[in-house]
Amino acid sequence: MNAIAPRTVAPRAPQAEPLWLEWAALLGLFAFAAWLLGARGVWALLLGSDPTGITLVIIVIFVAATLWCGARARALQQERRAFEARREGWVADYRAALRHAPRDAAAPLDLLLEQTHGPHQTAWWVNGIQLKLGLLGKVIGFSMLAIQIGQMQNFDPAQSQELLKSLTAGLGVALLTTMVGLVGNILLGLQLTRLDRYADALVADAQRAALED
């Protein structure tokens, strides 16, 4: 009696993660948080307490970068689905280049990495700009505080309230801009890290598929 050979089941390609839907859900959380902060008067406090306008610049940069992350998430997800459906795309170009056996064996992978990760480098630089703007606001705030202290000729107890208010203005600029820069840096870094990991998985699966060709 002949032994029945075990059936081999071809491994299924991993399904594309809903990266763009994840970003859309995160955007919904950001929108709710922004509405809640506006209802509590936090936005008016932040923008009104910063005469330099650095806080507004950081917020605008964060919003623009977040929208870019959404567009990038959609592009990566589309390329992942094209790879799974064996349609034209970055991975298809990479595998076709490997079949032609180029002189520089690393060139196809370098091109694929540029397509999947290249734009993220600029986005990480923008993310660092938020932190640097926050530190710039800190320097400006403490400079304002130092100038106000240097202009004090004498201390009049009757004007202590006005004096304290003028001194804390510079300190408020320093602390608020630093806080906004740190929060923006953390939240945008979270999005960019997710994009990088998704792109890493796409490149790894592309290389695995190329080895099977």
N, C-alpha and C. Protein backbone atom coordinates (compact mmCIF):
# COMPACT_ATOMS: atom_id res chain seq x y z
N MET A 1 0.86 -1.19 0.00
CA MET A 1 0.00 0.00 0.00
C MET A 1 0.90 1.25 0.00
N ASN A 2 0.70 2.05 -0.97
CA ASN A 2 1.54 3.25 -1.11
C ASN A 2 1.16 4.30 -0.07
N ALA A 3 2.18 4.88 0.48
CA ALA A 3 1.93 5.96 1.45
C ALA A 3 1.45 7.21 0.73
N ILE A 4 0.53 7.85 1.34
CA ILE A 4 -0.02 9.08 0.75
C ILE A 4 0.87 10.24 1.11
N ALA A 5 1.38 10.89 0.09
CA ALA A 5 2.27 12.03 0.34
C ALA A 5 1.49 13.18 0.96
N PRO A 6 2.08 13.81 1.94
CA PRO A 6 1.37 14.94 2.58
C PRO A 6 1.19 16.10 1.60
N ARG A 7 0.06 16.71 1.68
CA ARG A 7 -0.24 17.85 0.81
C ARG A 7 0.49 19.09 1.32
N THR A 8 1.05 19.77 0.38
CA THR A 8 1.75 21.02 0.72
C THR A 8 0.87 22.20 0.37
N VAL A 9 0.71 23.06 1.30
CA VAL A 9 -0.12 24.25 1.11
C VAL A 9 0.79 25.44 0.94
N ALA A 10 0.62 26.11 -0.18
CA ALA A 10 1.45 27.28 -0.44
C ALA A 10 1.13 28.38 0.56
N PRO A 11 2.14 29.00 1.11
CA PRO A 11 1.89 30.06 2.09
C PRO A 11 1.19 31.24 1.44
N ARG A 12 0.22 31.75 2.14
CA ARG A 12 -0.53 32.89 1.62
C ARG A 12 0.26 34.17 1.87
N ALA A 13 0.18 35.04 0.91
CA ALA A 13 0.86 36.33 1.06
C ALA A 13 0.19 37.12 2.17
N PRO A 14 0.98 37.79 2.99
CA PRO A 14 0.39 38.58 4.07
C PRO A 14 -0.50 39.69 3.52
N GLN A 15 -1.62 39.87 4.19
CA GLN A 15 -2.57 40.86 3.74
C GLN A 15 -2.08 42.26 4.14
N ALA A 16 -2.44 43.21 3.31
CA ALA A 16 -2.03 44.59 3.56
C ALA A 16 -2.74 45.13 4.80
N GLU A 17 -1.97 45.74 5.66
CA GLU A 17 -2.55 46.37 6.84
C GLU A 17 -3.25 47.67 6.43
N PRO A 18 -4.35 47.98 7.07
CA PRO A 18 -5.09 49.21 6.69
C PRO A 18 -4.40 50.46 7.23
N LEU A 19 -3.25 50.77 6.66
CA LEU A 19 -2.44 51.87 7.17
C LEU A 19 -3.18 53.20 7.07
N TRP A 20 -3.83 53.43 5.94
CA TRP A 20 -4.52 54.71 5.77
C TRP A 20 -5.69 54.83 6.72
N LEU A 21 -6.39 53.73 7.00
CA LEU A 21 -7.50 53.77 7.95
C LEU A 21 -6.97 54.03 9.36
N GLU A 22 -5.81 53.47 9.68
CA GLU A 22 -5.21 53.75 10.98
C GLU A 22 -4.91 55.24 11.11
N TRP A 23 -4.36 55.82 10.04
CA TRP A 23 -4.07 57.25 10.08
C TRP A 23 -5.36 58.05 10.19
N ALA A 24 -6.42 57.64 9.48
CA ALA A 24 -7.70 58.36 9.55
C ALA A 24 -8.27 58.30 10.96
N ALA A 25 -8.13 57.16 11.62
CA ALA A 25 -8.60 57.06 13.01
C ALA A 25 -7.79 57.98 13.92
N LEU A 26 -6.48 58.04 13.69
CA LEU A 26 -5.64 58.94 14.48
C LEU A 26 -6.00 60.39 14.22
N LEU A 27 -6.30 60.71 12.97
CA LEU A 27 -6.71 62.07 12.64
C LEU A 27 -8.01 62.43 13.35
N GLY A 28 -8.92 61.46 13.47
CA GLY A 28 -10.15 61.70 14.21
C GLY A 28 -9.88 62.02 15.67
N LEU A 29 -8.93 61.31 16.27
CA LEU A 29 -8.55 61.60 17.66
C LEU A 29 -7.94 63.00 17.78
N PHE A 30 -7.11 63.37 16.80
CA PHE A 30 -6.52 64.71 16.82
C PHE A 30 -7.61 65.78 16.70
N ALA A 31 -8.58 65.55 15.82
CA ALA A 31 -9.66 66.52 15.63
C ALA A 31 -10.49 66.66 16.90
N PHE A 32 -10.78 65.54 17.55
CA PHE A 32 -11.55 65.61 18.80
C PHE A 32 -10.76 66.33 19.88
N ALA A 33 -9.46 66.03 19.99
CA ALA A 33 -8.63 66.71 20.98
C ALA A 33 -8.55 68.20 20.70
N ALA A 34 -8.44 68.58 19.41
CA ALA A 34 -8.39 70.00 19.06
C ALA A 34 -9.69 70.70 19.43
N TRP A 35 -10.82 70.04 19.17
CA TRP A 35 -12.11 70.63 19.54
C TRP A 35 -12.23 70.78 21.05
N LEU A 36 -11.80 69.76 21.79
CA LEU A 36 -11.89 69.81 23.24
C LEU A 36 -11.01 70.92 23.81
N LEU A 37 -9.80 71.06 23.26
CA LEU A 37 -8.92 72.13 23.73
C LEU A 37 -9.49 73.50 23.39
N GLY A 38 -10.13 73.60 22.21
CA GLY A 38 -10.75 74.87 21.86
C GLY A 38 -11.91 75.21 22.76
N ALA A 39 -12.71 74.20 23.11
CA ALA A 39 -13.86 74.43 23.99
C ALA A 39 -13.41 74.84 25.38
N ARG A 40 -12.26 74.36 25.82
CA ARG A 40 -11.74 74.72 27.15
C ARG A 40 -10.92 76.00 27.13
N GLY A 41 -10.76 76.61 25.95
CA GLY A 41 -10.04 77.86 25.86
C GLY A 41 -8.53 77.73 25.84
N VAL A 42 -8.03 76.51 25.59
CA VAL A 42 -6.58 76.31 25.62
C VAL A 42 -5.92 76.97 24.42
N TRP A 43 -6.55 76.88 23.23
CA TRP A 43 -5.95 77.48 22.04
C TRP A 43 -5.82 78.99 22.20
N ALA A 44 -6.87 79.61 22.75
CA ALA A 44 -6.80 81.06 22.95
C ALA A 44 -5.69 81.43 23.93
N LEU A 45 -5.51 80.58 24.95
CA LEU A 45 -4.45 80.83 25.92
C LEU A 45 -3.07 80.68 25.29
N LEU A 46 -2.89 79.60 24.50
CA LEU A 46 -1.59 79.36 23.88
C LEU A 46 -1.21 80.46 22.91
N LEU A 47 -2.15 80.80 22.02
CA LEU A 47 -1.84 81.80 20.99
C LEU A 47 -1.78 83.21 21.55
N GLY A 48 -2.61 83.48 22.56
CA GLY A 48 -2.60 84.82 23.15
C GLY A 48 -1.41 85.09 24.03
N SER A 49 -0.81 84.03 24.57
CA SER A 49 0.33 84.20 25.48
C SER A 49 1.66 84.22 24.75
N ASP A 50 1.65 84.06 23.43
CA ASP A 50 2.89 84.01 22.66
C ASP A 50 2.92 85.15 21.65
N PRO A 51 3.49 86.29 22.00
CA PRO A 51 3.54 87.41 21.03
C PRO A 51 4.50 87.16 19.87
N THR A 52 5.38 86.16 19.98
CA THR A 52 6.33 85.88 18.90
C THR A 52 5.70 85.15 17.72
N GLY A 53 4.59 84.46 17.94
CA GLY A 53 3.96 83.70 16.87
C GLY A 53 4.59 82.34 16.61
N ILE A 54 5.57 81.94 17.41
CA ILE A 54 6.24 80.65 17.19
C ILE A 54 5.28 79.50 17.44
N THR A 55 4.42 79.63 18.43
CA THR A 55 3.45 78.57 18.71
C THR A 55 2.55 78.32 17.51
N LEU A 56 2.08 79.39 16.87
CA LEU A 56 1.23 79.24 15.68
C LEU A 56 2.00 78.56 14.55
N VAL A 57 3.27 78.92 14.38
CA VAL A 57 4.08 78.30 13.32
C VAL A 57 4.24 76.81 13.56
N ILE A 58 4.48 76.42 14.80
CA ILE A 58 4.62 75.00 15.12
C ILE A 58 3.32 74.25 14.83
N ILE A 59 2.20 74.84 15.18
CA ILE A 59 0.91 74.18 14.95
C ILE A 59 0.66 74.01 13.45
N VAL A 60 0.96 75.05 12.67
CA VAL A 60 0.76 74.97 11.22
C VAL A 60 1.66 73.88 10.62
N ILE A 61 2.91 73.82 11.05
CA ILE A 61 3.83 72.78 10.56
C ILE A 61 3.31 71.39 10.91
N PHE A 62 2.81 71.23 12.12
CA PHE A 62 2.31 69.92 12.55
C PHE A 62 1.09 69.51 11.72
N VAL A 63 0.17 70.42 11.49
CA VAL A 63 -1.02 70.10 10.70
C VAL A 63 -0.64 69.72 9.27
N ALA A 64 0.25 70.51 8.65
CA ALA A 64 0.67 70.21 7.28
C ALA A 64 1.39 68.87 7.20
N ALA A 65 2.27 68.59 8.16
CA ALA A 65 3.01 67.33 8.16
C ALA A 65 2.08 66.14 8.40
N THR A 66 1.06 66.33 9.24
CA THR A 66 0.10 65.25 9.50
C THR A 66 -0.69 64.93 8.23
N LEU A 67 -1.11 65.93 7.49
CA LEU A 67 -1.81 65.69 6.23
C LEU A 67 -0.91 65.00 5.22
N TRP A 68 0.36 65.37 5.20
CA TRP A 68 1.32 64.68 4.32
C TRP A 68 1.45 63.22 4.71
N CYS A 69 1.47 62.93 6.00
CA CYS A 69 1.55 61.54 6.46
C CYS A 69 0.34 60.75 5.97
N GLY A 70 -0.84 61.38 5.93
CA GLY A 70 -2.01 60.69 5.41
C GLY A 70 -1.87 60.35 3.93
N ALA A 71 -1.36 61.31 3.14
CA ALA A 71 -1.14 61.04 1.73
C ALA A 71 -0.09 59.95 1.52
N ARG A 72 0.94 59.98 2.35
CA ARG A 72 2.00 58.97 2.23
C ARG A 72 1.50 57.60 2.66
N ALA A 73 0.67 57.55 3.68
CA ALA A 73 0.09 56.28 4.11
C ALA A 73 -0.78 55.68 3.01
N ARG A 74 -1.52 56.50 2.33
CA ARG A 74 -2.36 56.01 1.23
C ARG A 74 -1.50 55.47 0.09
N ALA A 75 -0.39 56.17 -0.23
CA ALA A 75 0.49 55.71 -1.31
C ALA A 75 1.14 54.38 -0.96
N LEU A 76 1.62 54.24 0.27
CA LEU A 76 2.25 52.98 0.68
C LEU A 76 1.26 51.83 0.68
N GLN A 77 0.04 52.09 1.12
CA GLN A 77 -0.97 51.04 1.14
C GLN A 77 -1.33 50.61 -0.29
N GLN A 78 -1.41 51.56 -1.21
CA GLN A 78 -1.71 51.22 -2.60
C GLN A 78 -0.58 50.39 -3.21
N GLU A 79 0.66 50.73 -2.89
CA GLU A 79 1.79 49.94 -3.40
C GLU A 79 1.80 48.54 -2.81
N ARG A 80 1.40 48.42 -1.55
CA ARG A 80 1.33 47.10 -0.93
C ARG A 80 0.27 46.23 -1.61
N ARG A 81 -0.87 46.81 -1.90
CA ARG A 81 -1.94 46.06 -2.57
C ARG A 81 -1.55 45.72 -4.00
N ALA A 82 -0.83 46.62 -4.66
CA ALA A 82 -0.35 46.32 -6.01
C ALA A 82 0.63 45.15 -5.99
N PHE A 83 1.46 45.09 -4.96
CA PHE A 83 2.40 43.99 -4.81
C PHE A 83 1.67 42.66 -4.59
N GLU A 84 0.65 42.66 -3.75
CA GLU A 84 -0.09 41.43 -3.48
C GLU A 84 -0.89 40.98 -4.69
N ALA A 85 -1.39 41.93 -5.48
CA ALA A 85 -2.15 41.59 -6.68
C ALA A 85 -1.26 41.40 -7.91
N ARG A 86 0.07 41.54 -7.73
CA ARG A 86 1.04 41.41 -8.82
C ARG A 86 0.75 42.40 -9.94
N ARG A 87 0.40 43.61 -9.55
CA ARG A 87 0.20 44.67 -10.53
C ARG A 87 1.47 45.51 -10.63
N GLU A 88 1.46 46.44 -11.57
CA GLU A 88 2.60 47.33 -11.75
C GLU A 88 2.77 48.22 -10.52
N GLY A 89 4.01 48.40 -10.14
CA GLY A 89 4.29 49.24 -8.98
C GLY A 89 5.77 49.19 -8.64
N TRP A 90 6.10 49.67 -7.46
CA TRP A 90 7.50 49.71 -7.04
C TRP A 90 8.10 48.31 -6.96
N VAL A 91 7.38 47.39 -6.36
CA VAL A 91 7.90 46.03 -6.19
C VAL A 91 8.03 45.33 -7.54
N ALA A 92 7.05 45.53 -8.42
CA ALA A 92 7.13 44.92 -9.75
C ALA A 92 8.34 45.44 -10.51
N ASP A 93 8.62 46.74 -10.40
CA ASP A 93 9.82 47.30 -11.04
C ASP A 93 11.10 46.72 -10.43
N TYR A 94 11.09 46.52 -9.12
CA TYR A 94 12.26 45.96 -8.44
C TYR A 94 12.53 44.54 -8.90
N ARG A 95 11.50 43.72 -9.00
CA ARG A 95 11.68 42.33 -9.43
C ARG A 95 12.08 42.25 -10.90
N ALA A 96 11.53 43.15 -11.70
CA ALA A 96 11.91 43.16 -13.11
C ALA A 96 13.37 43.57 -13.28
N ALA A 97 13.81 44.51 -12.47
CA ALA A 97 15.21 44.93 -12.55
C ALA A 97 16.15 43.80 -12.13
N LEU A 98 15.75 43.01 -11.15
CA LEU A 98 16.58 41.88 -10.73
C LEU A 98 16.69 40.82 -11.83
N ARG A 99 15.62 40.62 -12.57
CA ARG A 99 15.64 39.62 -13.64
C ARG A 99 16.62 40.00 -14.74
N HIS A 100 16.84 41.30 -14.92
CA HIS A 100 17.77 41.75 -15.97
C HIS A 100 19.22 41.65 -15.53
N ALA A 101 19.46 41.23 -14.28
CA ALA A 101 20.82 41.05 -13.75
C ALA A 101 21.70 42.28 -14.02
N PRO A 102 21.42 43.39 -13.36
CA PRO A 102 22.21 44.60 -13.59
C PRO A 102 23.65 44.44 -13.09
N ARG A 103 24.53 45.28 -13.62
CA ARG A 103 25.93 45.22 -13.21
C ARG A 103 26.07 45.50 -11.71
N ASP A 104 25.37 46.51 -11.25
CA ASP A 104 25.36 46.82 -9.82
C ASP A 104 24.20 46.05 -9.19
N ALA A 105 24.51 44.97 -8.51
CA ALA A 105 23.46 44.12 -7.96
C ALA A 105 22.64 44.82 -6.88
N ALA A 106 23.21 45.85 -6.24
CA ALA A 106 22.50 46.55 -5.18
C ALA A 106 21.62 47.69 -5.70
N ALA A 107 21.74 48.01 -6.99
CA ALA A 107 20.99 49.15 -7.53
C ALA A 107 19.48 48.98 -7.44
N PRO A 108 18.91 47.81 -7.81
CA PRO A 108 17.45 47.67 -7.69
C PRO A 108 16.94 47.88 -6.27
N LEU A 109 17.67 47.33 -5.29
CA LEU A 109 17.24 47.51 -3.90
C LEU A 109 17.37 48.97 -3.47
N ASP A 110 18.43 49.63 -3.91
CA ASP A 110 18.61 51.05 -3.57
C ASP A 110 17.45 51.88 -4.12
N LEU A 111 17.04 51.58 -5.35
CA LEU A 111 15.92 52.31 -5.94
C LEU A 111 14.62 52.05 -5.19
N LEU A 112 14.42 50.80 -4.78
CA LEU A 112 13.21 50.47 -4.02
C LEU A 112 13.21 51.18 -2.67
N LEU A 113 14.35 51.21 -2.01
CA LEU A 113 14.45 51.90 -0.72
C LEU A 113 14.22 53.40 -0.87
N GLU A 114 14.69 53.97 -1.98
CA GLU A 114 14.45 55.39 -2.22
C GLU A 114 12.96 55.67 -2.39
N GLN A 115 12.26 54.78 -3.07
CA GLN A 115 10.83 54.98 -3.28
C GLN A 115 10.03 54.79 -2.00
N THR A 116 10.43 53.83 -1.18
CA THR A 116 9.65 53.52 0.02
C THR A 116 10.04 54.38 1.22
N HIS A 117 11.31 54.78 1.32
CA HIS A 117 11.79 55.48 2.50
C HIS A 117 12.31 56.89 2.22
N GLY A 118 12.63 57.20 0.98
CA GLY A 118 13.27 58.47 0.67
C GLY A 118 12.52 59.69 1.17
N PRO A 119 11.23 59.83 0.85
CA PRO A 119 10.50 61.03 1.31
C PRO A 119 10.42 61.16 2.82
N HIS A 120 10.59 60.05 3.54
CA HIS A 120 10.47 60.12 5.00
C HIS A 120 11.61 60.90 5.63
N GLN A 121 12.76 60.95 4.95
CA GLN A 121 13.90 61.66 5.53
C GLN A 121 13.58 63.15 5.68
N THR A 122 12.95 63.73 4.66
CA THR A 122 12.55 65.14 4.76
C THR A 122 11.51 65.34 5.85
N ALA A 123 10.60 64.38 5.97
CA ALA A 123 9.56 64.49 7.00
C ALA A 123 10.17 64.43 8.40
N TRP A 124 11.18 63.58 8.59
CA TRP A 124 11.85 63.54 9.90
C TRP A 124 12.57 64.85 10.18
N TRP A 125 13.12 65.48 9.14
CA TRP A 125 13.77 66.79 9.32
C TRP A 125 12.74 67.83 9.74
N VAL A 126 11.56 67.80 9.12
CA VAL A 126 10.49 68.71 9.51
C VAL A 126 10.08 68.45 10.96
N ASN A 127 10.05 67.17 11.35
CA ASN A 127 9.71 66.85 12.73
C ASN A 127 10.72 67.45 13.70
N GLY A 128 11.98 67.43 13.34
CA GLY A 128 12.99 68.06 14.19
C GLY A 128 12.86 69.57 14.24
N ILE A 129 12.34 70.17 13.17
CA ILE A 129 12.14 71.62 13.15
C ILE A 129 11.18 72.05 14.25
N GLN A 130 10.16 71.24 14.52
CA GLN A 130 9.22 71.60 15.59
C GLN A 130 9.93 71.74 16.93
N LEU A 131 10.79 70.77 17.21
CA LEU A 131 11.53 70.80 18.47
C LEU A 131 12.47 71.99 18.52
N LYS A 132 13.12 72.29 17.41
CA LYS A 132 14.06 73.41 17.37
C LYS A 132 13.33 74.75 17.50
N LEU A 133 12.14 74.85 16.92
CA LEU A 133 11.35 76.07 17.09
C LEU A 133 10.93 76.25 18.54
N GLY A 134 10.58 75.13 19.19
CA GLY A 134 10.25 75.22 20.61
C GLY A 134 11.42 75.70 21.44
N LEU A 135 12.61 75.21 21.13
CA LEU A 135 13.81 75.68 21.84
C LEU A 135 14.12 77.14 21.52
N LEU A 136 13.85 77.54 20.26
CA LEU A 136 14.04 78.95 19.90
C LEU A 136 13.11 79.84 20.72
N GLY A 137 11.86 79.39 20.86
CA GLY A 137 10.92 80.15 21.69
C GLY A 137 11.37 80.22 23.13
N LYS A 138 11.99 79.14 23.61
CA LYS A 138 12.51 79.15 24.98
C LYS A 138 13.62 80.18 25.14
N VAL A 139 14.52 80.23 24.16
CA VAL A 139 15.61 81.22 24.21
C VAL A 139 15.05 82.63 24.15
N ILE A 140 14.08 82.85 23.26
CA ILE A 140 13.50 84.20 23.13
C ILE A 140 12.78 84.59 24.42
N GLY A 141 12.06 83.64 25.02
CA GLY A 141 11.33 83.94 26.25
C GLY A 141 12.26 84.32 27.39
N PHE A 142 13.33 83.55 27.56
CA PHE A 142 14.27 83.89 28.63
C PHE A 142 15.03 85.17 28.32
N SER A 143 15.24 85.45 27.03
CA SER A 143 15.87 86.72 26.67
C SER A 143 14.96 87.90 27.02
N MET A 144 13.66 87.74 26.74
CA MET A 144 12.71 88.78 27.14
C MET A 144 12.72 88.97 28.65
N LEU A 145 12.78 87.86 29.39
CA LEU A 145 12.82 87.94 30.85
C LEU A 145 14.08 88.66 31.33
N ALA A 146 15.22 88.33 30.71
CA ALA A 146 16.48 88.96 31.12
C ALA A 146 16.48 90.45 30.81
N ILE A 147 15.92 90.83 29.66
CA ILE A 147 15.87 92.26 29.30
C ILE A 147 15.00 93.03 30.27
N GLN A 148 13.86 92.44 30.64
CA GLN A 148 12.96 93.12 31.57
C GLN A 148 13.60 93.28 32.94
N ILE A 149 14.35 92.25 33.38
CA ILE A 149 15.04 92.37 34.66
C ILE A 149 16.14 93.43 34.58
N GLY A 150 16.85 93.48 33.44
CA GLY A 150 17.92 94.46 33.28
C GLY A 150 17.41 95.88 33.24
N GLN A 151 16.17 96.09 32.83
CA GLN A 151 15.63 97.44 32.75
C GLN A 151 15.06 97.94 34.08
N MET A 152 15.04 97.08 35.07
CA MET A 152 14.53 97.48 36.39
C MET A 152 15.52 98.44 37.06
N GLN A 153 15.06 99.63 37.38
CA GLN A 153 15.90 100.61 38.07
C GLN A 153 15.77 100.49 39.58
N ASN A 154 14.56 100.36 40.04
CA ASN A 154 14.31 100.20 41.47
C ASN A 154 13.04 99.39 41.66
N PHE A 155 12.84 98.92 42.83
CA PHE A 155 11.67 98.09 43.13
C PHE A 155 10.66 98.90 43.91
N ASP A 156 9.48 99.07 43.34
CA ASP A 156 8.40 99.80 43.98
C ASP A 156 7.34 98.79 44.42
N PRO A 157 7.13 98.59 45.70
CA PRO A 157 6.12 97.61 46.15
C PRO A 157 4.73 97.90 45.62
N ALA A 158 4.42 99.16 45.35
CA ALA A 158 3.10 99.49 44.86
C ALA A 158 2.87 98.98 43.44
N GLN A 159 3.94 98.76 42.68
CA GLN A 159 3.83 98.29 41.30
C GLN A 159 4.26 96.83 41.17
N SER A 160 4.26 96.08 42.25
CA SER A 160 4.75 94.70 42.22
C SER A 160 3.90 93.81 41.32
N GLN A 161 2.57 94.05 41.29
CA GLN A 161 1.71 93.22 40.46
C GLN A 161 2.00 93.41 38.98
N GLU A 162 2.14 94.65 38.55
CA GLU A 162 2.46 94.92 37.15
C GLU A 162 3.85 94.42 36.80
N LEU A 163 4.78 94.55 37.74
CA LEU A 163 6.13 94.09 37.49
C LEU A 163 6.17 92.57 37.35
N LEU A 164 5.44 91.89 38.21
CA LEU A 164 5.40 90.43 38.14
C LEU A 164 4.76 89.96 36.84
N LYS A 165 3.74 90.67 36.38
CA LYS A 165 3.08 90.30 35.13
C LYS A 165 4.02 90.46 33.95
N SER A 166 4.80 91.52 33.93
CA SER A 166 5.73 91.73 32.82
C SER A 166 6.86 90.72 32.83
N LEU A 167 7.29 90.31 34.02
CA LEU A 167 8.38 89.34 34.11
C LEU A 167 7.93 87.94 33.70
N THR A 168 6.71 87.57 34.07
CA THR A 168 6.22 86.23 33.73
C THR A 168 5.83 86.10 32.26
N ALA A 169 5.71 87.21 31.53
CA ALA A 169 5.37 87.11 30.10
C ALA A 169 6.47 86.39 29.34
N GLY A 170 7.71 86.75 29.62
CA GLY A 170 8.83 86.08 28.95
C GLY A 170 8.93 84.62 29.36
N LEU A 171 8.68 84.34 30.63
CA LEU A 171 8.72 82.96 31.10
C LEU A 171 7.61 82.13 30.46
N GLY A 172 6.44 82.74 30.27
CA GLY A 172 5.33 82.04 29.61
C GLY A 172 5.66 81.68 28.18
N VAL A 173 6.29 82.60 27.44
CA VAL A 173 6.70 82.32 26.06
C VAL A 173 7.67 81.14 26.03
N ALA A 174 8.63 81.14 26.94
CA ALA A 174 9.64 80.08 26.96
C ALA A 174 9.01 78.72 27.22
N LEU A 175 8.12 78.63 28.18
CA LEU A 175 7.55 77.34 28.56
C LEU A 175 6.52 76.85 27.55
N LEU A 176 5.66 77.75 27.06
CA LEU A 176 4.60 77.33 26.15
C LEU A 176 5.15 76.87 24.80
N THR A 177 6.08 77.62 24.24
CA THR A 177 6.63 77.21 22.95
C THR A 177 7.39 75.89 23.06
N THR A 178 8.10 75.70 24.17
CA THR A 178 8.81 74.43 24.36
C THR A 178 7.83 73.28 24.48
N MET A 179 6.75 73.49 25.22
CA MET A 179 5.75 72.43 25.39
C MET A 179 5.09 72.07 24.07
N VAL A 180 4.67 73.07 23.30
CA VAL A 180 4.01 72.81 22.01
C VAL A 180 4.97 72.11 21.05
N GLY A 181 6.23 72.54 21.03
CA GLY A 181 7.22 71.89 20.17
C GLY A 181 7.44 70.44 20.54
N LEU A 182 7.50 70.13 21.83
CA LEU A 182 7.69 68.75 22.29
C LEU A 182 6.50 67.88 21.94
N VAL A 183 5.30 68.37 22.18
CA VAL A 183 4.10 67.58 21.88
C VAL A 183 3.98 67.32 20.38
N GLY A 184 4.22 68.36 19.57
CA GLY A 184 4.17 68.17 18.12
C GLY A 184 5.23 67.19 17.65
N ASN A 185 6.42 67.26 18.22
CA ASN A 185 7.50 66.34 17.85
C ASN A 185 7.14 64.90 18.18
N ILE A 186 6.54 64.67 19.33
CA ILE A 186 6.17 63.31 19.74
C ILE A 186 5.07 62.76 18.85
N LEU A 187 4.03 63.54 18.60
CA LEU A 187 2.89 63.04 17.83
C LEU A 187 3.25 62.81 16.36
N LEU A 188 4.03 63.71 15.78
CA LEU A 188 4.44 63.51 14.39
C LEU A 188 5.45 62.36 14.28
N GLY A 189 6.33 62.24 15.28
CA GLY A 189 7.27 61.12 15.28
C GLY A 189 6.57 59.78 15.35
N LEU A 190 5.45 59.72 16.06
CA LEU A 190 4.65 58.49 16.11
C LEU A 190 4.15 58.10 14.73
N GLN A 191 3.66 59.08 13.97
CA GLN A 191 3.16 58.80 12.62
C GLN A 191 4.29 58.37 11.68
N LEU A 192 5.42 59.05 11.75
CA LEU A 192 6.53 58.73 10.86
C LEU A 192 7.13 57.37 11.18
N THR A 193 7.18 57.01 12.45
CA THR A 193 7.67 55.68 12.82
C THR A 193 6.78 54.59 12.24
N ARG A 194 5.48 54.81 12.28
CA ARG A 194 4.55 53.83 11.69
C ARG A 194 4.75 53.71 10.19
N LEU A 195 4.97 54.83 9.52
CA LEU A 195 5.23 54.79 8.08
C LEU A 195 6.52 54.03 7.78
N ASP A 196 7.55 54.27 8.57
CA ASP A 196 8.83 53.59 8.35
C ASP A 196 8.69 52.08 8.53
N ARG A 197 7.98 51.67 9.56
CA ARG A 197 7.82 50.24 9.81
C ARG A 197 7.01 49.57 8.70
N TYR A 198 6.00 50.26 8.20
CA TYR A 198 5.20 49.73 7.10
C TYR A 198 6.05 49.60 5.84
N ALA A 199 6.88 50.60 5.58
CA ALA A 199 7.77 50.55 4.42
C ALA A 199 8.82 49.46 4.58
N ASP A 200 9.32 49.26 5.80
CA ASP A 200 10.28 48.18 6.05
C ASP A 200 9.68 46.82 5.73
N ALA A 201 8.43 46.62 6.15
CA ALA A 201 7.75 45.35 5.88
C ALA A 201 7.54 45.14 4.38
N LEU A 202 7.24 46.22 3.67
CA LEU A 202 7.05 46.11 2.22
C LEU A 202 8.35 45.71 1.53
N VAL A 203 9.46 46.32 1.93
CA VAL A 203 10.75 45.98 1.34
C VAL A 203 11.15 44.55 1.66
N ALA A 204 10.93 44.12 2.90
CA ALA A 204 11.28 42.76 3.30
C ALA A 204 10.47 41.73 2.51
N ASP A 205 9.18 41.97 2.34
CA ASP A 205 8.36 41.03 1.57
C ASP A 205 8.73 41.04 0.10
N ALA A 206 9.14 42.19 -0.42
CA ALA A 206 9.58 42.27 -1.81
C ALA A 206 10.85 41.45 -2.02
N GLN A 207 11.78 41.55 -1.08
CA GLN A 207 13.00 40.75 -1.17
C GLN A 207 12.70 39.26 -1.04
N ARG A 208 11.77 38.91 -0.15
CA ARG A 208 11.42 37.50 0.01
C ARG A 208 10.79 36.95 -1.28
N ALA A 209 9.94 37.76 -1.91
CA ALA A 209 9.31 37.32 -3.15
C ALA A 209 10.34 37.22 -4.28
N ALA A 210 11.34 38.12 -4.27
CA ALA A 210 12.37 38.06 -5.31
C ALA A 210 13.21 36.81 -5.18
N LEU A 211 13.42 36.34 -3.97
CA LEU A 211 14.19 35.10 -3.78
C LEU A 211 13.45 33.87 -4.31
N GLU A 212 12.14 33.96 -4.37
CA GLU A 212 11.34 32.84 -4.84
C GLU A 212 11.18 32.83 -6.37
N ASP A 213 11.58 33.92 -7.03
CA ASP A 213 11.45 33.98 -8.50
C ASP A 213 12.43 33.01 -9.17
